[in-house]
Amino acid sequence: MNIFHLRRRSLVRGTFLALASFVAGFALSGFPALHPNPWLLLPLLLCAFGAVDTARCLQKRWNFYHGAVLLLLYTDLMILLLLTLFLVVPYSGLTL
């Protein structure tokens, strides 16, 4: 299976890593009342690795597959920004 071979491109692996890191970051942050947790850096890095893995699946010519991969990359970017928010806001003293 291509999912377990890191040298091969896998859209499923990249998407799974991003979604799993989102769930882990959501659980680690204690979302309604955000508290400082440096362990949120691990899901952030995991999501970045998933985004890079998703970006490897882009093709040179545009087609619907390329458009779907771009949509998944935007989803990965939103997850990265949300995890960064969960990491930074408790240290800044701001409340949401």
PDB file of N, CA and C in Angstrom:
ATOM      1  N   MET A   1       0.838  -1.183   0.000  1.00  0.00           N
ATOM      2  CA  MET A   1       0.000   0.000   0.000  1.00  0.00           C
ATOM      3  C   MET A   1       0.883   1.246   0.000  1.00  0.00           C
ATOM      4  N   ASN A   2       0.462   2.264  -0.712  1.00  0.00           N
ATOM      5  CA  ASN A   2       1.211   3.507  -0.785  1.00  0.00           C
ATOM      6  C   ASN A   2       1.136   4.325   0.497  1.00  0.00           C
ATOM      7  N   ILE A   3       0.191   4.023   1.353  1.00  0.00           N
ATOM      8  CA  ILE A   3       0.012   4.812   2.575  1.00  0.00           C
ATOM      9  C   ILE A   3       1.220   4.665   3.498  1.00  0.00           C
ATOM     10  N   PHE A   4       1.802   3.510   3.549  1.00  0.00           N
ATOM     11  CA  PHE A   4       2.885   3.250   4.496  1.00  0.00           C
ATOM     12  C   PHE A   4       4.279   3.495   3.917  1.00  0.00           C
ATOM     13  N   HIS A   5       4.386   3.717   2.618  1.00  0.00           N
ATOM     14  CA  HIS A   5       5.677   4.010   1.993  1.00  0.00           C
ATOM     15  C   HIS A   5       5.859   5.528   1.948  1.00  0.00           C
ATOM     16  N   LEU A   6       6.782   6.054   2.746  1.00  0.00           N
ATOM     17  CA  LEU A   6       6.948   7.503   2.845  1.00  0.00           C
ATOM     18  C   LEU A   6       7.547   8.123   1.590  1.00  0.00           C
ATOM     19  N   ARG A   7       8.227   7.357   0.783  1.00  0.00           N
ATOM     20  CA  ARG A   7       8.819   7.910  -0.442  1.00  0.00           C
ATOM     21  C   ARG A   7       7.799   8.068  -1.555  1.00  0.00           C
ATOM     22  N   ARG A   8       6.689   7.385  -1.460  1.00  0.00           N
ATOM     23  CA  ARG A   8       5.653   7.492  -2.485  1.00  0.00           C
ATOM     24  C   ARG A   8       4.622   8.531  -2.073  1.00  0.00           C
ATOM     25  N   ARG A   9       4.019   9.153  -3.074  1.00  0.00           N
ATOM     26  CA  ARG A   9       2.991  10.152  -2.807  1.00  0.00           C
ATOM     27  C   ARG A   9       1.695   9.464  -2.382  1.00  0.00           C
ATOM     28  N   SER A  10       1.042  10.044  -1.370  1.00  0.00           N
ATOM     29  CA  SER A  10      -0.233   9.495  -0.927  1.00  0.00           C
ATOM     30  C   SER A  10      -1.119  10.633  -0.443  1.00  0.00           C
ATOM     31  N   LEU A  11      -2.206  10.841  -1.140  1.00  0.00           N
ATOM     32  CA  LEU A  11      -3.147  11.879  -0.752  1.00  0.00           C
ATOM     33  C   LEU A  11      -3.896  11.495   0.518  1.00  0.00           C
ATOM     34  N   VAL A  12      -4.148  10.218   0.692  1.00  0.00           N
ATOM     35  CA  VAL A  12      -4.851   9.743   1.886  1.00  0.00           C
ATOM     36  C   VAL A  12      -4.006   9.967   3.134  1.00  0.00           C
ATOM     37  N   ARG A  13      -2.708   9.695   3.047  1.00  0.00           N
ATOM     38  CA  ARG A  13      -1.826   9.870   4.196  1.00  0.00           C
ATOM     39  C   ARG A  13      -1.744  11.336   4.616  1.00  0.00           C
ATOM     40  N   GLY A  14      -1.609  12.236   3.661  1.00  0.00           N
ATOM     41  CA  GLY A  14      -1.525  13.657   3.972  1.00  0.00           C
ATOM     42  C   GLY A  14      -2.802  14.177   4.602  1.00  0.00           C
ATOM     43  N   THR A  15      -3.935  13.776   4.060  1.00  0.00           N
ATOM     44  CA  THR A  15      -5.217  14.208   4.606  1.00  0.00           C
ATOM     45  C   THR A  15      -5.444  13.624   5.989  1.00  0.00           C
ATOM     46  N   PHE A  16      -5.100  12.356   6.164  1.00  0.00           N
ATOM     47  CA  PHE A  16      -5.273  11.726   7.474  1.00  0.00           C
ATOM     48  C   PHE A  16      -4.389  12.388   8.531  1.00  0.00           C
ATOM     49  N   LEU A  17      -3.143  12.714   8.182  1.00  0.00           N
ATOM     50  CA  LEU A  17      -2.253  13.368   9.137  1.00  0.00           C
ATOM     51  C   LEU A  17      -2.793  14.738   9.543  1.00  0.00           C
ATOM     52  N   ALA A  18      -3.314  15.483   8.589  1.00  0.00           N
ATOM     53  CA  ALA A  18      -3.854  16.806   8.912  1.00  0.00           C
ATOM     54  C   ALA A  18      -5.087  16.696   9.801  1.00  0.00           C
ATOM     55  N   LEU A  19      -5.991  15.793   9.484  1.00  0.00           N
ATOM     56  CA  LEU A  19      -7.204  15.655  10.298  1.00  0.00           C
ATOM     57  C   LEU A  19      -6.904  15.078  11.674  1.00  0.00           C
ATOM     58  N   ALA A  20      -5.982  14.131  11.750  1.00  0.00           N
ATOM     59  CA  ALA A  20      -5.610  13.574  13.058  1.00  0.00           C
ATOM     60  C   ALA A  20      -4.924  14.626  13.921  1.00  0.00           C
ATOM     61  N   SER A  21      -4.103  15.467  13.317  1.00  0.00           N
ATOM     62  CA  SER A  21      -3.458  16.518  14.097  1.00  0.00           C
ATOM     63  C   SER A  21      -4.475  17.561  14.551  1.00  0.00           C
ATOM     64  N   PHE A  22      -5.506  17.812  13.743  1.00  0.00           N
ATOM     65  CA  PHE A  22      -6.568  18.727  14.162  1.00  0.00           C
ATOM     66  C   PHE A  22      -7.309  18.189  15.381  1.00  0.00           C
ATOM     67  N   VAL A  23      -7.648  16.916  15.353  1.00  0.00           N
ATOM     68  CA  VAL A  23      -8.356  16.306  16.486  1.00  0.00           C
ATOM     69  C   VAL A  23      -7.469  16.305  17.725  1.00  0.00           C
ATOM     70  N   ALA A  24      -6.190  15.966  17.558  1.00  0.00           N
ATOM     71  CA  ALA A  24      -5.273  15.957  18.701  1.00  0.00           C
ATOM     72  C   ALA A  24      -5.069  17.365  19.259  1.00  0.00           C
ATOM     73  N   GLY A  25      -4.929  18.351  18.388  1.00  0.00           N
ATOM     74  CA  GLY A  25      -4.761  19.729  18.844  1.00  0.00           C
ATOM     75  C   GLY A  25      -5.998  20.259  19.532  1.00  0.00           C
ATOM     76  N   PHE A  26      -7.153  19.882  19.027  1.00  0.00           N
ATOM     77  CA  PHE A  26      -8.415  20.290  19.650  1.00  0.00           C
ATOM     78  C   PHE A  26      -8.526  19.699  21.049  1.00  0.00           C
ATOM     79  N   ALA A  27      -8.123  18.444  21.203  1.00  0.00           N
ATOM     80  CA  ALA A  27      -8.185  17.797  22.512  1.00  0.00           C
ATOM     81  C   ALA A  27      -7.134  18.357  23.474  1.00  0.00           C
ATOM     82  N   LEU A  28      -5.940  18.644  22.974  1.00  0.00           N
ATOM     83  CA  LEU A  28      -4.872  19.151  23.836  1.00  0.00           C
ATOM     84  C   LEU A  28      -5.118  20.582  24.301  1.00  0.00           C
ATOM     85  N   SER A  29      -5.799  21.374  23.500  1.00  0.00           N
ATOM     86  CA  SER A  29      -5.976  22.778  23.860  1.00  0.00           C
ATOM     87  C   SER A  29      -7.074  22.983  24.887  1.00  0.00           C
ATOM     88  N   GLY A  30      -7.978  22.037  25.038  1.00  0.00           N
ATOM     89  CA  GLY A  30      -9.111  22.225  25.928  1.00  0.00           C
ATOM     90  C   GLY A  30      -9.969  23.370  25.416  1.00  0.00           C
ATOM     91  N   PHE A  31     -10.483  23.258  24.228  1.00  0.00           N
ATOM     92  CA  PHE A  31     -10.952  24.367  23.410  1.00  0.00           C
ATOM     93  C   PHE A  31     -11.802  25.432  24.088  1.00  0.00           C
ATOM     94  N   PRO A  32     -12.880  25.142  24.768  1.00  0.00           N
ATOM     95  CA  PRO A  32     -13.659  26.296  25.242  1.00  0.00           C
ATOM     96  C   PRO A  32     -12.853  27.235  26.144  1.00  0.00           C
ATOM     97  N   ALA A  33     -11.988  26.685  26.980  1.00  0.00           N
ATOM     98  CA  ALA A  33     -11.123  27.505  27.834  1.00  0.00           C
ATOM     99  C   ALA A  33      -9.684  27.151  27.463  1.00  0.00           C
ATOM    100  N   LEU A  34      -9.108  27.913  26.561  1.00  0.00           N
ATOM    101  CA  LEU A  34      -7.750  27.615  26.101  1.00  0.00           C
ATOM    102  C   LEU A  34      -6.751  27.795  27.231  1.00  0.00           C
ATOM    103  N   HIS A  35      -5.862  26.843  27.374  1.00  0.00           N
ATOM    104  CA  HIS A  35      -4.809  26.941  28.379  1.00  0.00           C
ATOM    105  C   HIS A  35      -3.457  26.675  27.708  1.00  0.00           C
ATOM    106  N   PRO A  36      -2.387  27.258  28.244  1.00  0.00           N
ATOM    107  CA  PRO A  36      -1.071  27.073  27.614  1.00  0.00           C
ATOM    108  C   PRO A  36      -0.642  25.606  27.635  1.00  0.00           C
ATOM    109  N   ASN A  37      -0.238  25.123  26.476  1.00  0.00           N
ATOM    110  CA  ASN A  37       0.195  23.740  26.366  1.00  0.00           C
ATOM    111  C   ASN A  37       1.262  23.649  25.274  1.00  0.00           C
ATOM    112  N   PRO A  38       2.509  23.494  25.657  1.00  0.00           N
ATOM    113  CA  PRO A  38       3.552  23.420  24.630  1.00  0.00           C
ATOM    114  C   PRO A  38       3.491  22.150  23.786  1.00  0.00           C
ATOM    115  N   TRP A  39       2.736  21.154  24.208  1.00  0.00           N
ATOM    116  CA  TRP A  39       2.605  19.916  23.430  1.00  0.00           C
ATOM    117  C   TRP A  39       1.819  20.127  22.146  1.00  0.00           C
ATOM    118  N   LEU A  40       1.186  21.295  22.008  1.00  0.00           N
ATOM    119  CA  LEU A  40       0.473  21.594  20.768  1.00  0.00           C
ATOM    120  C   LEU A  40       1.421  21.766  19.588  1.00  0.00           C
ATOM    121  N   LEU A  41       2.698  21.880  19.871  1.00  0.00           N
ATOM    122  CA  LEU A  41       3.677  21.992  18.794  1.00  0.00           C
ATOM    123  C   LEU A  41       3.771  20.693  17.988  1.00  0.00           C
ATOM    124  N   LEU A  42       3.540  19.548  18.632  1.00  0.00           N
ATOM    125  CA  LEU A  42       3.597  18.263  17.918  1.00  0.00           C
ATOM    126  C   LEU A  42       2.488  18.135  16.865  1.00  0.00           C
ATOM    127  N   PRO A  43       1.206  18.410  17.204  1.00  0.00           N
ATOM    128  CA  PRO A  43       0.196  18.364  16.134  1.00  0.00           C
ATOM    129  C   PRO A  43       0.427  19.412  15.050  1.00  0.00           C
ATOM    130  N   LEU A  44       1.007  20.549  15.429  1.00  0.00           N
ATOM    131  CA  LEU A  44       1.308  21.576  14.436  1.00  0.00           C
ATOM    132  C   LEU A  44       2.335  21.073  13.428  1.00  0.00           C
ATOM    133  N   LEU A  45       3.381  20.434  13.908  1.00  0.00           N
ATOM    134  CA  LEU A  45       4.403  19.876  13.020  1.00  0.00           C
ATOM    135  C   LEU A  45       3.858  18.701  12.204  1.00  0.00           C
ATOM    136  N   LEU A  46       3.007  17.902  12.823  1.00  0.00           N
ATOM    137  CA  LEU A  46       2.392  16.769  12.126  1.00  0.00           C
ATOM    138  C   LEU A  46       1.505  17.266  10.987  1.00  0.00           C
ATOM    139  N   CYS A  47       0.775  18.335  11.238  1.00  0.00           N
ATOM    140  CA  CYS A  47      -0.080  18.902  10.196  1.00  0.00           C
ATOM    141  C   CYS A  47       0.764  19.511   9.084  1.00  0.00           C
ATOM    142  N   ALA A  48       1.880  20.129   9.430  1.00  0.00           N
ATOM    143  CA  ALA A  48       2.769  20.680   8.402  1.00  0.00           C
ATOM    144  C   ALA A  48       3.329  19.560   7.532  1.00  0.00           C
ATOM    145  N   PHE A  49       3.694  18.441   8.144  1.00  0.00           N
ATOM    146  CA  PHE A  49       4.167  17.291   7.371  1.00  0.00           C
ATOM    147  C   PHE A  49       3.056  16.751   6.469  1.00  0.00           C
ATOM    148  N   GLY A  50       1.831  16.730   6.978  1.00  0.00           N
ATOM    149  CA  GLY A  50       0.699  16.289   6.160  1.00  0.00           C
ATOM    150  C   GLY A  50       0.437  17.229   4.998  1.00  0.00           C
ATOM    151  N   ALA A  51       0.611  18.534   5.208  1.00  0.00           N
ATOM    152  CA  ALA A  51       0.414  19.499   4.128  1.00  0.00           C
ATOM    153  C   ALA A  51       1.488  19.337   3.051  1.00  0.00           C
ATOM    154  N   VAL A  52       2.710  19.087   3.468  1.00  0.00           N
ATOM    155  CA  VAL A  52       3.780  18.853   2.494  1.00  0.00           C
ATOM    156  C   VAL A  52       3.512  17.573   1.713  1.00  0.00           C
ATOM    157  N   ASP A  53       3.028  16.558   2.415  1.00  0.00           N
ATOM    158  CA  ASP A  53       2.712  15.290   1.748  1.00  0.00           C
ATOM    159  C   ASP A  53       1.565  15.471   0.753  1.00  0.00           C
ATOM    160  N   THR A  54       0.590  16.310   1.096  1.00  0.00           N
ATOM    161  CA  THR A  54      -0.505  16.600   0.173  1.00  0.00           C
ATOM    162  C   THR A  54       0.006  17.402  -1.020  1.00  0.00           C
ATOM    163  N   ALA A  55       0.902  18.341  -0.772  1.00  0.00           N
ATOM    164  CA  ALA A  55       1.427  19.177  -1.858  1.00  0.00           C
ATOM    165  C   ALA A  55       2.242  18.355  -2.851  1.00  0.00           C
ATOM    166  N   ARG A  56       2.821  17.270  -2.408  1.00  0.00           N
ATOM    167  CA  ARG A  56       3.578  16.410  -3.323  1.00  0.00           C
ATOM    168  C   ARG A  56       2.676  15.774  -4.376  1.00  0.00           C
ATOM    169  N   CYS A  57       1.368  15.724  -4.125  1.00  0.00           N
ATOM    170  CA  CYS A  57       0.431  15.083  -5.055  1.00  0.00           C
ATOM    171  C   CYS A  57      -0.045  16.018  -6.166  1.00  0.00           C
ATOM    172  N   LEU A  58       0.386  17.282  -6.148  1.00  0.00           N
ATOM    173  CA  LEU A  58      -0.013  18.202  -7.211  1.00  0.00           C
ATOM    174  C   LEU A  58       0.565  17.758  -8.546  1.00  0.00           C
ATOM    175  N   GLN A  59      -0.193  18.000  -9.602  1.00  0.00           N
ATOM    176  CA  GLN A  59       0.260  17.662 -10.944  1.00  0.00           C
ATOM    177  C   GLN A  59       0.641  18.936 -11.689  1.00  0.00           C
ATOM    178  N   LYS A  60       1.386  18.797 -12.768  1.00  0.00           N
ATOM    179  CA  LYS A  60       1.846  19.975 -13.508  1.00  0.00           C
ATOM    180  C   LYS A  60       0.718  20.638 -14.285  1.00  0.00           C
ATOM    181  N   ARG A  61      -0.139  19.856 -14.886  1.00  0.00           N
ATOM    182  CA  ARG A  61      -1.246  20.404 -15.655  1.00  0.00           C
ATOM    183  C   ARG A  61      -2.493  20.444 -14.794  1.00  0.00           C
ATOM    184  N   TRP A  62      -3.343  21.447 -15.040  1.00  0.00           N
ATOM    185  CA  TRP A  62      -4.558  21.569 -14.261  1.00  0.00           C
ATOM    186  C   TRP A  62      -5.598  20.576 -14.769  1.00  0.00           C
ATOM    187  N   ASN A  63      -6.200  19.867 -13.817  1.00  0.00           N
ATOM    188  CA  ASN A  63      -7.378  19.038 -14.073  1.00  0.00           C
ATOM    189  C   ASN A  63      -8.168  19.008 -12.771  1.00  0.00           C
ATOM    190  N   PHE A  64      -9.229  18.246 -12.713  1.00  0.00           N
ATOM    191  CA  PHE A  64     -10.051  18.238 -11.509  1.00  0.00           C
ATOM    192  C   PHE A  64      -9.337  17.622 -10.318  1.00  0.00           C
ATOM    193  N   TYR A  65      -8.448  16.685 -10.545  1.00  0.00           N
ATOM    194  CA  TYR A  65      -7.655  16.115  -9.463  1.00  0.00           C
ATOM    195  C   TYR A  65      -6.755  17.188  -8.863  1.00  0.00           C
ATOM    196  N   HIS A  66      -6.124  17.992  -9.711  1.00  0.00           N
ATOM    197  CA  HIS A  66      -5.270  19.084  -9.256  1.00  0.00           C
ATOM    198  C   HIS A  66      -6.089  20.089  -8.431  1.00  0.00           C
ATOM    199  N   GLY A  67      -7.295  20.392  -8.875  1.00  0.00           N
ATOM    200  CA  GLY A  67      -8.172  21.301  -8.134  1.00  0.00           C
ATOM    201  C   GLY A  67      -8.566  20.738  -6.778  1.00  0.00           C
ATOM    202  N   ALA A  68      -8.821  19.431  -6.721  1.00  0.00           N
ATOM    203  CA  ALA A  68      -9.172  18.807  -5.444  1.00  0.00           C
ATOM    204  C   ALA A  68      -7.985  18.812  -4.482  1.00  0.00           C
ATOM    205  N   VAL A  69      -6.790  18.613  -5.004  1.00  0.00           N
ATOM    206  CA  VAL A  69      -5.591  18.660  -4.157  1.00  0.00           C
ATOM    207  C   VAL A  69      -5.389  20.078  -3.630  1.00  0.00           C
ATOM    208  N   LEU A  70      -5.639  21.090  -4.453  1.00  0.00           N
ATOM    209  CA  LEU A  70      -5.547  22.471  -3.989  1.00  0.00           C
ATOM    210  C   LEU A  70      -6.564  22.747  -2.884  1.00  0.00           C
ATOM    211  N   LEU A  71      -7.758  22.211  -3.027  1.00  0.00           N
ATOM    212  CA  LEU A  71      -8.781  22.370  -1.990  1.00  0.00           C
ATOM    213  C   LEU A  71      -8.332  21.726  -0.680  1.00  0.00           C
ATOM    214  N   LEU A  72      -7.716  20.557  -0.763  1.00  0.00           N
ATOM    215  CA  LEU A  72      -7.193  19.905   0.436  1.00  0.00           C
ATOM    216  C   LEU A  72      -6.024  20.682   1.037  1.00  0.00           C
ATOM    217  N   LEU A  73      -5.221  21.319   0.200  1.00  0.00           N
ATOM    218  CA  LEU A  73      -4.129  22.155   0.709  1.00  0.00           C
ATOM    219  C   LEU A  73      -4.670  23.370   1.458  1.00  0.00           C
ATOM    220  N   TYR A  74      -5.739  23.958   0.963  1.00  0.00           N
ATOM    221  CA  TYR A  74      -6.358  25.074   1.685  1.00  0.00           C
ATOM    222  C   TYR A  74      -6.932  24.597   3.020  1.00  0.00           C
ATOM    223  N   THR A  75      -7.461  23.386   3.051  1.00  0.00           N
ATOM    224  CA  THR A  75      -7.946  22.820   4.310  1.00  0.00           C
ATOM    225  C   THR A  75      -6.796  22.617   5.282  1.00  0.00           C
ATOM    226  N   ASP A  76      -5.676  22.113   4.790  1.00  0.00           N
ATOM    227  CA  ASP A  76      -4.495  21.943   5.639  1.00  0.00           C
ATOM    228  C   ASP A  76      -4.004  23.282   6.171  1.00  0.00           C
ATOM    229  N   LEU A  77      -4.063  24.309   5.339  1.00  0.00           N
ATOM    230  CA  LEU A  77      -3.649  25.635   5.768  1.00  0.00           C
ATOM    231  C   LEU A  77      -4.559  26.167   6.876  1.00  0.00           C
ATOM    232  N   MET A  78      -5.867  25.947   6.746  1.00  0.00           N
ATOM    233  CA  MET A  78      -6.790  26.378   7.803  1.00  0.00           C
ATOM    234  C   MET A  78      -6.510  25.643   9.105  1.00  0.00           C
ATOM    235  N   ILE A  79      -6.215  24.347   9.033  1.00  0.00           N
ATOM    236  CA  ILE A  79      -5.896  23.584  10.232  1.00  0.00           C
ATOM    237  C   ILE A  79      -4.601  24.085  10.859  1.00  0.00           C
ATOM    238  N   LEU A  80      -3.592  24.392  10.023  1.00  0.00           N
ATOM    239  CA  LEU A  80      -2.336  24.940  10.535  1.00  0.00           C
ATOM    240  C   LEU A  80      -2.562  26.267  11.257  1.00  0.00           C
ATOM    241  N   LEU A  81      -3.369  27.134  10.687  1.00  0.00           N
ATOM    242  CA  LEU A  81      -3.634  28.419  11.316  1.00  0.00           C
ATOM    243  C   LEU A  81      -4.423  28.266  12.606  1.00  0.00           C
ATOM    244  N   LEU A  82      -5.371  27.343  12.633  1.00  0.00           N
ATOM    245  CA  LEU A  82      -6.134  27.112  13.856  1.00  0.00           C
ATOM    246  C   LEU A  82      -5.264  26.542  14.957  1.00  0.00           C
ATOM    247  N   LEU A  83      -4.381  25.617  14.629  1.00  0.00           N
ATOM    248  CA  LEU A  83      -3.467  25.068  15.630  1.00  0.00           C
ATOM    249  C   LEU A  83      -2.486  26.125  16.120  1.00  0.00           C
ATOM    250  N   THR A  84      -2.055  27.014  15.230  1.00  0.00           N
ATOM    251  CA  THR A  84      -1.190  28.111  15.644  1.00  0.00           C
ATOM    252  C   THR A  84      -1.937  29.045  16.587  1.00  0.00           C
ATOM    253  N   LEU A  85      -3.202  29.285  16.302  1.00  0.00           N
ATOM    254  CA  LEU A  85      -4.026  30.099  17.199  1.00  0.00           C
ATOM    255  C   LEU A  85      -4.158  29.441  18.565  1.00  0.00           C
ATOM    256  N   PHE A  86      -4.403  28.136  18.582  1.00  0.00           N
ATOM    257  CA  PHE A  86      -4.506  27.417  19.857  1.00  0.00           C
ATOM    258  C   PHE A  86      -3.199  27.472  20.637  1.00  0.00           C
ATOM    259  N   LEU A  87      -2.078  27.521  19.938  1.00  0.00           N
ATOM    260  CA  LEU A  87      -0.769  27.544  20.585  1.00  0.00           C
ATOM    261  C   LEU A  87      -0.402  28.932  21.096  1.00  0.00           C
ATOM    262  N   VAL A  88      -0.713  29.974  20.343  1.00  0.00           N
ATOM    263  CA  VAL A  88      -0.222  31.313  20.650  1.00  0.00           C
ATOM    264  C   VAL A  88      -1.140  32.100  21.591  1.00  0.00           C
ATOM    265  N   VAL A  89      -2.438  31.981  21.428  1.00  0.00           N
ATOM    266  CA  VAL A  89      -3.385  32.816  22.180  1.00  0.00           C
ATOM    267  C   VAL A  89      -3.249  32.657  23.703  1.00  0.00           C
ATOM    268  N   PRO A  90      -3.117  31.463  24.259  1.00  0.00           N
ATOM    269  CA  PRO A  90      -2.998  31.389  25.726  1.00  0.00           C
ATOM    270  C   PRO A  90      -1.745  32.086  26.272  1.00  0.00           C
ATOM    271  N   TYR A  91      -0.683  32.129  25.502  1.00  0.00           N
ATOM    272  CA  TYR A  91       0.534  32.797  25.962  1.00  0.00           C
ATOM    273  C   TYR A  91       0.449  34.311  25.809  1.00  0.00           C
ATOM    274  N   SER A  92      -0.419  34.800  24.935  1.00  0.00           N
ATOM    275  CA  SER A  92      -0.506  36.232  24.703  1.00  0.00           C
ATOM    276  C   SER A  92      -1.399  36.943  25.717  1.00  0.00           C
ATOM    277  N   GLY A  93      -2.236  36.217  26.417  1.00  0.00           N
ATOM    278  CA  GLY A  93      -3.123  36.817  27.402  1.00  0.00           C
ATOM    279  C   GLY A  93      -4.442  37.270  26.814  1.00  0.00           C
ATOM    280  N   LEU A  94      -4.647  37.133  25.521  1.00  0.00           N
ATOM    281  CA  LEU A  94      -5.917  37.498  24.902  1.00  0.00           C
ATOM    282  C   LEU A  94      -6.945  36.422  25.174  1.00  0.00           C
ATOM    283  N   THR A  95      -8.192  36.802  25.225  1.00  0.00           N
ATOM    284  CA  THR A  95      -9.274  35.824  25.376  1.00  0.00           C
ATOM    285  C   THR A  95     -10.142  35.859  24.133  1.00  0.00           C
ATOM    286  N   LEU A  96     -10.663  34.705  23.792  1.00  0.00           N
ATOM    287  CA  LEU A  96     -11.532  34.623  22.603  1.00  0.00           C
ATOM    288  C   LEU A  96     -12.972  34.718  22.995  1.00  0.00           C
TER     289      LEU A  96
END
